[in-house]
Amino acid sequence: MLNRIGDFVGRVADRRSTIFLTASVVMVVFGCFDYFTDMAMLSFGVAPELHAAGLAMFVGVGAGFSALVLLMARRERRRMVQDELYRLAELNHRLRNSLQIIAYAHYTSEDESHRKMMMDAVSSIDTSLRQLIPAMGVDHRKQEYRP
């Protein structure tokens, strides 16, 4: 469930218009929650001191719970993205190791055109990898971000 909420929060946070719309909806929901709690307490004839404390408690618990759920969902989404970055870094590492073997293999070839062809292929693949999977400061061995 946190994954779904995290995906929803990520989609909402992608555009400025959806951020403002969602913030407006949350304000209206909490305003209505406060209003109906106030009306219920007035209809039961709760003392003014308890009335104010009850309103503050209900609204505080509601806001705290929604913030907790949203933050936990956002943390789960960040973990998923971080895991994906680690997988990409590992893929990049493995492909570059394979390319290194191919690059060293050209030294055993006697044919100059074969050497040139292999080095052009290695260079082309290396350039493509650098464009598709930049390092982005991720060290996959330490499992942390480097500045």
C-alpha atoms as a PDB file:
ATOM      1  CA  MET A   1       0.000   0.000   0.000  1.00  0.00           C
ATOM      2  CA  LEU A   2       2.872   2.373   0.779  1.00  0.00           C
ATOM      3  CA  ASN A   3       4.199   1.724  -2.727  1.00  0.00           C
ATOM      4  CA  ARG A   4       0.906   2.893  -4.239  1.00  0.00           C
ATOM      5  CA  ILE A   5       0.787   5.974  -2.038  1.00  0.00           C
ATOM      6  CA  GLY A   6       4.458   6.673  -2.841  1.00  0.00           C
ATOM      7  CA  ASP A   7       3.762   6.398  -6.572  1.00  0.00           C
ATOM      8  CA  PHE A   8       0.762   8.697  -6.186  1.00  0.00           C
ATOM      9  CA  VAL A   9       2.806  11.259  -4.236  1.00  0.00           C
ATOM     10  CA  GLY A  10       5.529  11.065  -6.901  1.00  0.00           C
ATOM     11  CA  ARG A  11       3.024  11.631  -9.711  1.00  0.00           C
ATOM     12  CA  VAL A  12       1.403  14.521  -7.829  1.00  0.00           C
ATOM     13  CA  ALA A  13       4.785  16.132  -7.183  1.00  0.00           C
ATOM     14  CA  ASP A  14       5.747  15.992 -10.875  1.00  0.00           C
ATOM     15  CA  ARG A  15       3.774  19.098 -11.873  1.00  0.00           C
ATOM     16  CA  ARG A  16       3.223  22.397 -10.147  1.00  0.00           C
ATOM     17  CA  SER A  17      -0.510  22.470 -10.951  1.00  0.00           C
ATOM     18  CA  THR A  18      -1.160  19.081  -9.319  1.00  0.00           C
ATOM     19  CA  ILE A  19       0.814  20.139  -6.250  1.00  0.00           C
ATOM     20  CA  PHE A  20      -1.397  23.198  -5.740  1.00  0.00           C
ATOM     21  CA  LEU A  21      -4.574  21.244  -6.496  1.00  0.00           C
ATOM     22  CA  THR A  22      -3.659  18.510  -4.018  1.00  0.00           C
ATOM     23  CA  ALA A  23      -2.701  21.069  -1.361  1.00  0.00           C
ATOM     24  CA  SER A  24      -6.071  22.772  -1.863  1.00  0.00           C
ATOM     25  CA  VAL A  25      -7.935  19.474  -1.513  1.00  0.00           C
ATOM     26  CA  VAL A  26      -6.030  18.645   1.682  1.00  0.00           C
ATOM     27  CA  MET A  27      -6.837  22.091   3.112  1.00  0.00           C
ATOM     28  CA  VAL A  28     -10.541  21.639   2.358  1.00  0.00           C
ATOM     29  CA  VAL A  29     -10.572  18.131   3.862  1.00  0.00           C
ATOM     30  CA  PHE A  30      -8.914  19.283   7.079  1.00  0.00           C
ATOM     31  CA  GLY A  31     -11.168  22.354   7.221  1.00  0.00           C
ATOM     32  CA  CYS A  32     -14.241  20.152   6.896  1.00  0.00           C
ATOM     33  CA  PHE A  33     -12.847  17.768   9.498  1.00  0.00           C
ATOM     34  CA  ASP A  34     -12.364  20.695  11.883  1.00  0.00           C
ATOM     35  CA  TYR A  35     -15.834  22.083  11.140  1.00  0.00           C
ATOM     36  CA  PHE A  36     -17.684  18.812  11.662  1.00  0.00           C
ATOM     37  CA  THR A  37     -15.716  18.055  14.817  1.00  0.00           C
ATOM     38  CA  ASP A  38     -16.622  21.526  16.114  1.00  0.00           C
ATOM     39  CA  MET A  39     -20.304  21.027  15.294  1.00  0.00           C
ATOM     40  CA  ALA A  40     -20.350  17.604  16.957  1.00  0.00           C
ATOM     41  CA  MET A  41     -18.772  18.980  20.128  1.00  0.00           C
ATOM     42  CA  LEU A  42     -21.211  21.912  20.224  1.00  0.00           C
ATOM     43  CA  SER A  43     -24.194  19.588  19.807  1.00  0.00           C
ATOM     44  CA  PHE A  44     -22.989  17.458  22.758  1.00  0.00           C
ATOM     45  CA  GLY A  45     -22.526  20.569  24.915  1.00  0.00           C
ATOM     46  CA  VAL A  46     -18.831  20.052  25.684  1.00  0.00           C
ATOM     47  CA  ALA A  47     -17.247  22.618  28.029  1.00  0.00           C
ATOM     48  CA  PRO A  48     -15.270  25.396  26.236  1.00  0.00           C
ATOM     49  CA  GLU A  49     -11.913  24.263  27.639  1.00  0.00           C
ATOM     50  CA  LEU A  50     -12.460  20.668  26.538  1.00  0.00           C
ATOM     51  CA  HIS A  51     -13.920  21.906  23.262  1.00  0.00           C
ATOM     52  CA  ALA A  52     -10.740  23.781  22.317  1.00  0.00           C
ATOM     53  CA  ALA A  53      -8.492  20.936  23.488  1.00  0.00           C
ATOM     54  CA  GLY A  54     -10.552  18.359  21.613  1.00  0.00           C
ATOM     55  CA  LEU A  55     -10.452  20.346  18.383  1.00  0.00           C
ATOM     56  CA  ALA A  56      -6.708  20.811  18.631  1.00  0.00           C
ATOM     57  CA  MET A  57      -6.215  17.129  19.381  1.00  0.00           C
ATOM     58  CA  PHE A  58      -8.440  15.862  16.560  1.00  0.00           C
ATOM     59  CA  VAL A  59      -6.946  18.134  13.935  1.00  0.00           C
ATOM     60  CA  GLY A  60      -3.406  17.497  15.193  1.00  0.00           C
ATOM     61  CA  VAL A  61      -3.867  13.726  15.110  1.00  0.00           C
ATOM     62  CA  GLY A  62      -5.383  13.881  11.629  1.00  0.00           C
ATOM     63  CA  ALA A  63      -2.619  16.085  10.246  1.00  0.00           C
ATOM     64  CA  GLY A  64       0.082  14.039  11.982  1.00  0.00           C
ATOM     65  CA  PHE A  65      -1.306  10.737  10.706  1.00  0.00           C
ATOM     66  CA  SER A  66      -1.590  11.973   7.117  1.00  0.00           C
ATOM     67  CA  ALA A  67       1.927  13.420   7.261  1.00  0.00           C
ATOM     68  CA  LEU A  68       3.217  10.110   8.652  1.00  0.00           C
ATOM     69  CA  VAL A  69       1.606   8.089   5.856  1.00  0.00           C
ATOM     70  CA  LEU A  70       2.847  10.471   3.151  1.00  0.00           C
ATOM     71  CA  LEU A  71       6.390  10.565   4.508  1.00  0.00           C
ATOM     72  CA  MET A  72       6.561   6.781   4.865  1.00  0.00           C
ATOM     73  CA  ALA A  73       5.268   6.368   1.314  1.00  0.00           C
ATOM     74  CA  ARG A  74       7.787   8.887   0.025  1.00  0.00           C
ATOM     75  CA  ARG A  75      10.604   7.043   1.838  1.00  0.00           C
ATOM     76  CA  GLU A  76       9.512   3.770   0.224  1.00  0.00           C
ATOM     77  CA  ARG A  77       9.509   5.405  -3.208  1.00  0.00           C
ATOM     78  CA  ARG A  78      13.008   6.816  -2.626  1.00  0.00           C
ATOM     79  CA  ARG A  79      14.220   3.357  -1.619  1.00  0.00           C
ATOM     80  CA  MET A  80      12.792   1.871  -4.798  1.00  0.00           C
ATOM     81  CA  VAL A  81      14.506   4.526  -6.921  1.00  0.00           C
ATOM     82  CA  GLN A  82      17.766   4.011  -5.029  1.00  0.00           C
ATOM     83  CA  ASP A  83      17.597   0.238  -5.599  1.00  0.00           C
ATOM     84  CA  GLU A  84      17.028   0.856  -9.290  1.00  0.00           C
ATOM     85  CA  LEU A  85      20.055   3.154  -9.415  1.00  0.00           C
ATOM     86  CA  TYR A  86      22.179   0.460  -7.770  1.00  0.00           C
ATOM     87  CA  ARG A  87      21.001  -2.078 -10.353  1.00  0.00           C
ATOM     88  CA  LEU A  88      21.912   0.316 -13.145  1.00  0.00           C
ATOM     89  CA  ALA A  89      25.319   0.935 -11.597  1.00  0.00           C
ATOM     90  CA  GLU A  90      25.935  -2.810 -11.381  1.00  0.00           C
ATOM     91  CA  LEU A  91      24.849  -3.272 -15.004  1.00  0.00           C
ATOM     92  CA  ASN A  92      27.168  -0.450 -16.034  1.00  0.00           C
ATOM     93  CA  HIS A  93      30.025  -2.081 -14.103  1.00  0.00           C
ATOM     94  CA  ARG A  94      29.477  -5.493 -15.710  1.00  0.00           C
ATOM     95  CA  LEU A  95      29.195  -4.093 -19.223  1.00  0.00           C
ATOM     96  CA  ARG A  96      32.335  -2.040 -18.812  1.00  0.00           C
ATOM     97  CA  ASN A  97      34.256  -5.085 -17.577  1.00  0.00           C
ATOM     98  CA  SER A  98      33.154  -7.017 -20.655  1.00  0.00           C
ATOM     99  CA  LEU A  99      34.173  -4.110 -22.855  1.00  0.00           C
ATOM    100  CA  GLN A 100      37.595  -4.064 -21.229  1.00  0.00           C
ATOM    101  CA  ILE A 101      38.121  -7.719 -22.176  1.00  0.00           C
ATOM    102  CA  ILE A 102      37.115  -6.966 -25.765  1.00  0.00           C
ATOM    103  CA  ALA A 103      39.386  -3.937 -25.832  1.00  0.00           C
ATOM    104  CA  TYR A 104      42.375  -5.999 -24.656  1.00  0.00           C
ATOM    105  CA  ALA A 105      41.610  -8.743 -27.175  1.00  0.00           C
ATOM    106  CA  HIS A 106      42.599  -6.483 -30.058  1.00  0.00           C
ATOM    107  CA  TYR A 107      46.251  -6.809 -29.028  1.00  0.00           C
ATOM    108  CA  THR A 108      46.273 -10.491 -30.011  1.00  0.00           C
ATOM    109  CA  SER A 109      44.898  -9.780 -33.465  1.00  0.00           C
ATOM    110  CA  GLU A 110      47.381  -9.549 -36.326  1.00  0.00           C
ATOM    111  CA  ASP A 111      44.980  -7.876 -38.741  1.00  0.00           C
ATOM    112  CA  GLU A 112      45.060  -4.064 -38.498  1.00  0.00           C
ATOM    113  CA  SER A 113      41.520  -3.644 -39.911  1.00  0.00           C
ATOM    114  CA  HIS A 114      40.212  -6.110 -37.310  1.00  0.00           C
ATOM    115  CA  ARG A 115      41.912  -4.125 -34.527  1.00  0.00           C
ATOM    116  CA  LYS A 116      40.421  -0.872 -35.777  1.00  0.00           C
ATOM    117  CA  MET A 117      36.975  -2.420 -36.098  1.00  0.00           C
ATOM    118  CA  MET A 118      37.105  -3.794 -32.515  1.00  0.00           C
ATOM    119  CA  MET A 119      38.333  -0.516 -31.050  1.00  0.00           C
ATOM    120  CA  ASP A 120      35.644   1.450 -32.921  1.00  0.00           C
ATOM    121  CA  ALA A 121      32.983  -0.927 -31.570  1.00  0.00           C
ATOM    122  CA  VAL A 122      34.344  -0.647 -28.022  1.00  0.00           C
ATOM    123  CA  SER A 123      34.475   3.140 -28.281  1.00  0.00           C
ATOM    124  CA  SER A 124      30.930   3.290 -29.638  1.00  0.00           C
ATOM    125  CA  ILE A 125      29.543   1.058 -26.870  1.00  0.00           C
ATOM    126  CA  ASP A 126      31.478   2.968 -24.202  1.00  0.00           C
ATOM    127  CA  THR A 127      30.126   6.295 -25.469  1.00  0.00           C
ATOM    128  CA  SER A 128      26.587   4.896 -25.495  1.00  0.00           C
ATOM    129  CA  LEU A 129      26.988   3.622 -21.930  1.00  0.00           C
ATOM    130  CA  ARG A 130      28.261   6.988 -20.737  1.00  0.00           C
ATOM    131  CA  GLN A 131      25.216   8.692 -22.267  1.00  0.00           C
ATOM    132  CA  LEU A 132      22.630   6.143 -21.116  1.00  0.00           C
ATOM    133  CA  ILE A 133      24.010   5.268 -17.693  1.00  0.00           C
ATOM    134  CA  PRO A 134      26.049   8.145 -16.276  1.00  0.00           C
ATOM    135  CA  ALA A 135      27.825   7.436 -13.018  1.00  0.00           C
ATOM    136  CA  MET A 136      25.776  10.066 -11.089  1.00  0.00           C
ATOM    137  CA  GLY A 137      28.042   9.732  -8.069  1.00  0.00           C
ATOM    138  CA  VAL A 138      26.709   6.281  -7.131  1.00  0.00           C
ATOM    139  CA  ASP A 139      29.272   3.861  -5.769  1.00  0.00           C
ATOM    140  CA  HIS A 140      27.536   0.492  -5.981  1.00  0.00           C
ATOM    141  CA  ARG A 141      30.099  -1.264  -3.762  1.00  0.00           C
ATOM    142  CA  LYS A 142      29.529   1.022  -0.748  1.00  0.00           C
ATOM    143  CA  GLN A 143      25.742   1.370  -1.286  1.00  0.00           C
ATOM    144  CA  GLU A 144      25.792   5.131  -0.694  1.00  0.00           C
ATOM    145  CA  TYR A 145      25.857   8.380  -2.628  1.00  0.00           C
ATOM    146  CA  ARG A 146      29.109  10.238  -3.055  1.00  0.00           C
ATOM    147  CA  PRO A 147      29.100  14.043  -3.438  1.00  0.00           C
END
